[in-house]
Amino acid sequence: MLELKLLLQASAAIIKLRRMSHLRRLRGLLCLSSLLASELVFGDCLPFEGARAHVGTSQCISGKVLRITRNDSGTTFLNFCDDYRVCPFQVVVFPRDLRQVGDVRHLEGKTVEIQGELKEYDGHAEIILSHLRQLKGEAARIPPVPKEFDVEKKGRYSAGKFSHPKSSTRTSRRKRQAAPIQTEDPASAASAED
């Protein structure tokens, strides 16, 4: 069904291209080829339950993100099951990749399609999300990570905001002045007086 639709679109585009100038025709062919290439790259996505059978290959996996968790090092996990320990698939976003990917916190509760190499880690399949272009459809329209987002503080701290210092709880004590320092030798001062 999808292939037939693509062929009809491609043939209609070719007819339009015949009526265009050479430069416009070349530009149109480039757009058409990129459209077809993206459809071939993503194709139909597999459900996340079957991801483990395709470890070692590049696949498109789809599923609903139920929870998004972050560990102490700032690594973000997109979980497709209530209990990640028994889930056959997860998506991993490392802290260094958040700027290229965007604010993945907006994906919670949404159905996503992600393209990438399936790897096995700790008994389940995973895709490492390192670029926004790996996401397809509505998921690819997530906003960028806020400028004040600090991965190491789990997004709860902004290095750019000022906080007032806490007031001192010590009682004020009067400091004693140190004894004066003598600059002359006492023996030489006594001989000068004689």
C-alpha atoms as a PDB file:
ATOM      1  CA  MET A   1       0.000   0.000   0.000  1.00  0.00           C
ATOM      2  CA  LEU A   2       2.768   2.422   0.986  1.00  0.00           C
ATOM      3  CA  GLU A   3       4.862   1.457  -2.043  1.00  0.00           C
ATOM      4  CA  LEU A   4       1.923   2.045  -4.416  1.00  0.00           C
ATOM      5  CA  LYS A   5       1.281   5.458  -2.901  1.00  0.00           C
ATOM      6  CA  LEU A   6       4.964   6.360  -3.236  1.00  0.00           C
ATOM      7  CA  LEU A   7       5.038   5.214  -6.859  1.00  0.00           C
ATOM      8  CA  LEU A   8       1.970   7.317  -7.695  1.00  0.00           C
ATOM      9  CA  GLN A   9       3.530  10.346  -6.032  1.00  0.00           C
ATOM     10  CA  ALA A  10       6.813   9.740  -7.831  1.00  0.00           C
ATOM     11  CA  SER A  11       5.147   9.396 -11.248  1.00  0.00           C
ATOM     12  CA  ALA A  12       3.141  12.592 -10.710  1.00  0.00           C
ATOM     13  CA  ALA A  13       6.327  14.368  -9.728  1.00  0.00           C
ATOM     14  CA  ILE A  14       8.133  13.109 -12.839  1.00  0.00           C
ATOM     15  CA  ILE A  15       5.336  14.419 -15.084  1.00  0.00           C
ATOM     16  CA  LYS A  16       5.648  17.826 -13.434  1.00  0.00           C
ATOM     17  CA  LEU A  17       9.432  17.708 -13.827  1.00  0.00           C
ATOM     18  CA  ARG A  18       9.139  17.255 -17.622  1.00  0.00           C
ATOM     19  CA  ARG A  19       7.423  20.633 -17.831  1.00  0.00           C
ATOM     20  CA  MET A  20      10.144  22.448 -15.838  1.00  0.00           C
ATOM     21  CA  SER A  21      13.415  24.019 -16.864  1.00  0.00           C
ATOM     22  CA  HIS A  22      16.642  22.044 -16.498  1.00  0.00           C
ATOM     23  CA  LEU A  23      17.683  23.687 -13.207  1.00  0.00           C
ATOM     24  CA  ARG A  24      14.252  23.347 -11.652  1.00  0.00           C
ATOM     25  CA  ARG A  25      14.116  19.750 -12.880  1.00  0.00           C
ATOM     26  CA  LEU A  26      17.412  18.948 -11.156  1.00  0.00           C
ATOM     27  CA  ARG A  27      16.248  20.583  -7.935  1.00  0.00           C
ATOM     28  CA  GLY A  28      12.961  18.653  -8.085  1.00  0.00           C
ATOM     29  CA  LEU A  29      14.763  15.353  -8.645  1.00  0.00           C
ATOM     30  CA  LEU A  30      16.935  15.997  -5.611  1.00  0.00           C
ATOM     31  CA  CYS A  31      13.870  16.663  -3.452  1.00  0.00           C
ATOM     32  CA  LEU A  32      12.130  13.576  -4.795  1.00  0.00           C
ATOM     33  CA  SER A  33      15.149  11.356  -4.198  1.00  0.00           C
ATOM     34  CA  SER A  34      15.551  12.622  -0.633  1.00  0.00           C
ATOM     35  CA  LEU A  35      11.856  11.907   0.030  1.00  0.00           C
ATOM     36  CA  LEU A  36      12.147   8.377  -1.319  1.00  0.00           C
ATOM     37  CA  ALA A  37      15.421   7.785   0.516  1.00  0.00           C
ATOM     38  CA  SER A  38      13.923   8.853   3.839  1.00  0.00           C
ATOM     39  CA  GLU A  39      10.975   6.517   3.289  1.00  0.00           C
ATOM     40  CA  LEU A  40      13.338   3.663   2.447  1.00  0.00           C
ATOM     41  CA  VAL A  41      15.571   4.366   5.432  1.00  0.00           C
ATOM     42  CA  PHE A  42      12.730   4.488   7.927  1.00  0.00           C
ATOM     43  CA  GLY A  43      10.239   2.245   6.119  1.00  0.00           C
ATOM     44  CA  ASP A  44       7.778   0.512   8.364  1.00  0.00           C
ATOM     45  CA  CYS A  45       8.770   0.500  11.993  1.00  0.00           C
ATOM     46  CA  LEU A  46       8.837  -2.637  14.090  1.00  0.00           C
ATOM     47  CA  PRO A  47       7.025  -2.707  17.434  1.00  0.00           C
ATOM     48  CA  PHE A  48       9.412  -2.449  20.392  1.00  0.00           C
ATOM     49  CA  GLU A  49       8.445  -5.944  21.601  1.00  0.00           C
ATOM     50  CA  GLY A  50      10.261  -7.500  18.608  1.00  0.00           C
ATOM     51  CA  ALA A  51      13.416  -5.401  18.831  1.00  0.00           C
ATOM     52  CA  ARG A  52      15.529  -8.077  20.539  1.00  0.00           C
ATOM     53  CA  ALA A  53      15.319 -10.331  17.483  1.00  0.00           C
ATOM     54  CA  HIS A  54      17.015  -7.652  15.347  1.00  0.00           C
ATOM     55  CA  VAL A  55      20.021  -6.807  17.542  1.00  0.00           C
ATOM     56  CA  GLY A  56      23.018  -5.869  15.411  1.00  0.00           C
ATOM     57  CA  THR A  57      20.963  -4.323  12.607  1.00  0.00           C
ATOM     58  CA  SER A  58      19.764  -0.792  11.937  1.00  0.00           C
ATOM     59  CA  GLN A  59      15.996  -0.685  12.403  1.00  0.00           C
ATOM     60  CA  CYS A  60      13.092   1.658  12.975  1.00  0.00           C
ATOM     61  CA  ILE A  61      11.366   0.837  16.260  1.00  0.00           C
ATOM     62  CA  SER A  62       8.050   2.269  17.400  1.00  0.00           C
ATOM     63  CA  GLY A  63       6.289   2.351  20.723  1.00  0.00           C
ATOM     64  CA  LYS A  64       4.727   4.542  23.387  1.00  0.00           C
ATOM     65  CA  VAL A  65       7.130   6.082  25.905  1.00  0.00           C
ATOM     66  CA  LEU A  66       5.639   5.377  29.325  1.00  0.00           C
ATOM     67  CA  ARG A  67       8.351   6.862  31.518  1.00  0.00           C
ATOM     68  CA  ILE A  68      11.516   8.876  31.185  1.00  0.00           C
ATOM     69  CA  THR A  69      14.154   8.327  33.837  1.00  0.00           C
ATOM     70  CA  ARG A  70      17.576   9.805  34.467  1.00  0.00           C
ATOM     71  CA  ASN A  71      20.395   8.268  36.489  1.00  0.00           C
ATOM     72  CA  ASP A  72      22.978  10.071  38.637  1.00  0.00           C
ATOM     73  CA  SER A  73      25.412  10.566  35.756  1.00  0.00           C
ATOM     74  CA  GLY A  74      22.742  12.377  33.689  1.00  0.00           C
ATOM     75  CA  THR A  75      22.026   9.563  31.220  1.00  0.00           C
ATOM     76  CA  THR A  76      18.364   9.642  30.130  1.00  0.00           C
ATOM     77  CA  PHE A  77      16.330   6.494  29.450  1.00  0.00           C
ATOM     78  CA  LEU A  78      13.105   6.317  27.464  1.00  0.00           C
ATOM     79  CA  ASN A  79      11.183   3.367  28.903  1.00  0.00           C
ATOM     80  CA  PHE A  80       8.431   1.640  26.933  1.00  0.00           C
ATOM     81  CA  CYS A  81       7.265  -0.583  29.825  1.00  0.00           C
ATOM     82  CA  ASP A  82       6.175   0.087  33.406  1.00  0.00           C
ATOM     83  CA  ASP A  83       9.147  -1.889  34.724  1.00  0.00           C
ATOM     84  CA  TYR A  84      12.304  -1.234  32.707  1.00  0.00           C
ATOM     85  CA  ARG A  85      14.009  -4.345  34.125  1.00  0.00           C
ATOM     86  CA  VAL A  86      11.694  -6.696  32.214  1.00  0.00           C
ATOM     87  CA  CYS A  87      11.185  -4.508  29.142  1.00  0.00           C
ATOM     88  CA  PRO A  88      12.708  -5.883  25.914  1.00  0.00           C
ATOM     89  CA  PHE A  89      13.693  -2.430  24.586  1.00  0.00           C
ATOM     90  CA  GLN A  90      14.770   1.038  25.717  1.00  0.00           C
ATOM     91  CA  VAL A  91      16.259   4.205  24.239  1.00  0.00           C
ATOM     92  CA  VAL A  92      19.362   5.775  25.806  1.00  0.00           C
ATOM     93  CA  VAL A  93      20.379   9.441  25.551  1.00  0.00           C
ATOM     94  CA  PHE A  94      23.789  10.316  26.963  1.00  0.00           C
ATOM     95  CA  PRO A  95      24.305  13.771  28.537  1.00  0.00           C
ATOM     96  CA  ARG A  96      26.745  14.849  25.811  1.00  0.00           C
ATOM     97  CA  ASP A  97      24.037  14.251  23.161  1.00  0.00           C
ATOM     98  CA  LEU A  98      21.165  16.194  24.758  1.00  0.00           C
ATOM     99  CA  ARG A  99      22.017  19.427  22.897  1.00  0.00           C
ATOM    100  CA  GLN A 100      21.816  17.631  19.512  1.00  0.00           C
ATOM    101  CA  VAL A 101      18.656  15.702  20.389  1.00  0.00           C
ATOM    102  CA  GLY A 102      16.513  18.214  22.262  1.00  0.00           C
ATOM    103  CA  ASP A 103      14.323  18.130  25.345  1.00  0.00           C
ATOM    104  CA  VAL A 104      13.387  14.445  25.433  1.00  0.00           C
ATOM    105  CA  ARG A 105      11.245  15.028  28.534  1.00  0.00           C
ATOM    106  CA  HIS A 106       8.474  16.056  26.100  1.00  0.00           C
ATOM    107  CA  LEU A 107       8.318  12.528  24.664  1.00  0.00           C
ATOM    108  CA  GLU A 108       6.742  11.002  27.766  1.00  0.00           C
ATOM    109  CA  GLY A 109       3.304   9.591  26.926  1.00  0.00           C
ATOM    110  CA  LYS A 110       3.855   9.893  23.157  1.00  0.00           C
ATOM    111  CA  THR A 111       4.287   7.229  20.513  1.00  0.00           C
ATOM    112  CA  VAL A 112       7.725   7.564  18.945  1.00  0.00           C
ATOM    113  CA  GLU A 113       9.491   6.055  15.963  1.00  0.00           C
ATOM    114  CA  ILE A 114      13.255   5.899  16.285  1.00  0.00           C
ATOM    115  CA  GLN A 115      15.846   4.785  13.760  1.00  0.00           C
ATOM    116  CA  GLY A 116      19.203   3.406  14.811  1.00  0.00           C
ATOM    117  CA  GLU A 117      21.433   0.445  15.382  1.00  0.00           C
ATOM    118  CA  LEU A 118      19.997  -2.019  17.870  1.00  0.00           C
ATOM    119  CA  LYS A 119      22.491  -3.039  20.506  1.00  0.00           C
ATOM    120  CA  GLU A 120      22.130  -5.467  23.369  1.00  0.00           C
ATOM    121  CA  TYR A 121      22.897  -4.180  26.850  1.00  0.00           C
ATOM    122  CA  ASP A 122      22.096  -5.844  30.156  1.00  0.00           C
ATOM    123  CA  GLY A 123      19.685  -8.337  28.624  1.00  0.00           C
ATOM    124  CA  HIS A 124      17.568  -6.022  26.475  1.00  0.00           C
ATOM    125  CA  ALA A 125      17.818  -4.252  23.149  1.00  0.00           C
ATOM    126  CA  GLU A 126      18.487  -0.526  23.021  1.00  0.00           C
ATOM    127  CA  ILE A 127      19.077   2.286  20.577  1.00  0.00           C
ATOM    128  CA  ILE A 128      21.407   5.120  21.485  1.00  0.00           C
ATOM    129  CA  LEU A 129      19.710   8.374  20.525  1.00  0.00           C
ATOM    130  CA  SER A 130      22.425  10.864  19.588  1.00  0.00           C
ATOM    131  CA  HIS A 131      20.773  13.057  16.908  1.00  0.00           C
ATOM    132  CA  LEU A 132      17.298  14.472  16.406  1.00  0.00           C
ATOM    133  CA  ARG A 133      17.217  13.066  12.867  1.00  0.00           C
ATOM    134  CA  GLN A 134      16.864   9.568  14.365  1.00  0.00           C
ATOM    135  CA  LEU A 135      13.321  10.447  15.460  1.00  0.00           C
ATOM    136  CA  LYS A 136      10.469  10.310  12.963  1.00  0.00           C
ATOM    137  CA  GLY A 137       7.065  11.983  12.838  1.00  0.00           C
ATOM    138  CA  GLU A 138       5.717  14.071  15.715  1.00  0.00           C
ATOM    139  CA  ALA A 139       8.577  13.001  17.987  1.00  0.00           C
ATOM    140  CA  ALA A 140      11.024  14.819  15.713  1.00  0.00           C
ATOM    141  CA  ARG A 141       9.420  18.139  16.678  1.00  0.00           C
ATOM    142  CA  ILE A 142      10.587  18.305  20.265  1.00  0.00           C
ATOM    143  CA  PRO A 143      11.924  21.643  21.511  1.00  0.00           C
ATOM    144  CA  PRO A 144      15.627  22.185  22.177  1.00  0.00           C
ATOM    145  CA  VAL A 145      17.042  21.724  25.655  1.00  0.00           C
ATOM    146  CA  PRO A 146      16.598  24.952  27.665  1.00  0.00           C
ATOM    147  CA  LYS A 147      19.772  27.012  28.031  1.00  0.00           C
ATOM    148  CA  GLU A 148      19.605  26.844  31.819  1.00  0.00           C
ATOM    149  CA  PHE A 149      19.284  23.038  31.823  1.00  0.00           C
ATOM    150  CA  ASP A 150      22.217  21.521  33.689  1.00  0.00           C
ATOM    151  CA  VAL A 151      22.574  17.790  33.088  1.00  0.00           C
ATOM    152  CA  GLU A 152      24.732  17.167  36.130  1.00  0.00           C
ATOM    153  CA  LYS A 153      22.160  18.814  38.409  1.00  0.00           C
ATOM    154  CA  LYS A 154      19.357  16.929  36.638  1.00  0.00           C
ATOM    155  CA  GLY A 155      17.821  20.046  35.200  1.00  0.00           C
ATOM    156  CA  ARG A 156      17.063  21.590  38.584  1.00  0.00           C
ATOM    157  CA  TYR A 157      19.877  24.096  38.734  1.00  0.00           C
ATOM    158  CA  SER A 158      20.887  27.067  36.699  1.00  0.00           C
ATOM    159  CA  ALA A 159      24.427  28.340  36.972  1.00  0.00           C
ATOM    160  CA  GLY A 160      23.250  31.722  35.698  1.00  0.00           C
ATOM    161  CA  LYS A 161      20.867  32.584  38.552  1.00  0.00           C
ATOM    162  CA  PHE A 162      21.997  34.468  41.622  1.00  0.00           C
ATOM    163  CA  SER A 163      20.991  33.418  45.112  1.00  0.00           C
ATOM    164  CA  HIS A 164      21.412  35.704  48.071  1.00  0.00           C
ATOM    165  CA  PRO A 165      23.885  34.619  50.765  1.00  0.00           C
ATOM    166  CA  LYS A 166      22.437  33.296  53.977  1.00  0.00           C
ATOM    167  CA  SER A 167      22.608  35.580  56.989  1.00  0.00           C
ATOM    168  CA  SER A 168      25.248  34.881  59.567  1.00  0.00           C
ATOM    169  CA  THR A 169      24.056  33.021  62.665  1.00  0.00           C
ATOM    170  CA  ARG A 170      27.132  33.834  64.753  1.00  0.00           C
ATOM    171  CA  THR A 171      26.824  36.376  67.518  1.00  0.00           C
ATOM    172  CA  SER A 172      28.999  39.376  66.996  1.00  0.00           C
ATOM    173  CA  ARG A 173      32.058  39.334  69.232  1.00  0.00           C
ATOM    174  CA  ARG A 174      34.346  42.194  69.640  1.00  0.00           C
ATOM    175  CA  LYS A 175      37.797  41.334  68.442  1.00  0.00           C
ATOM    176  CA  ARG A 176      40.696  42.231  70.693  1.00  0.00           C
ATOM    177  CA  GLN A 177      43.491  44.239  69.309  1.00  0.00           C
ATOM    178  CA  ALA A 178      46.814  42.460  69.251  1.00  0.00           C
ATOM    179  CA  ALA A 179      49.655  43.773  71.382  1.00  0.00           C
ATOM    180  CA  PRO A 180      51.696  46.512  69.654  1.00  0.00           C
ATOM    181  CA  ILE A 181      54.835  45.371  67.875  1.00  0.00           C
ATOM    182  CA  GLN A 182      58.104  46.960  68.981  1.00  0.00           C
ATOM    183  CA  THR A 183      60.192  48.294  66.153  1.00  0.00           C
ATOM    184  CA  GLU A 184      63.317  49.157  68.144  1.00  0.00           C
ATOM    185  CA  ASP A 185      65.553  46.983  70.235  1.00  0.00           C
ATOM    186  CA  PRO A 186      64.925  47.760  73.970  1.00  0.00           C
ATOM    187  CA  ALA A 187      68.706  47.626  74.780  1.00  0.00           C
ATOM    188  CA  SER A 188      69.562  50.163  72.095  1.00  0.00           C
ATOM    189  CA  ALA A 189      66.740  52.455  73.198  1.00  0.00           C
ATOM    190  CA  ALA A 190      68.111  52.486  76.820  1.00  0.00           C
ATOM    191  CA  SER A 191      71.656  53.348  75.686  1.00  0.00           C
ATOM    192  CA  ALA A 192      70.348  56.205  73.517  1.00  0.00           C
ATOM    193  CA  GLU A 193      68.705  57.785  76.578  1.00  0.00           C
ATOM    194  CA  ASP A 194      72.005  57.828  78.572  1.00  0.00           C
END
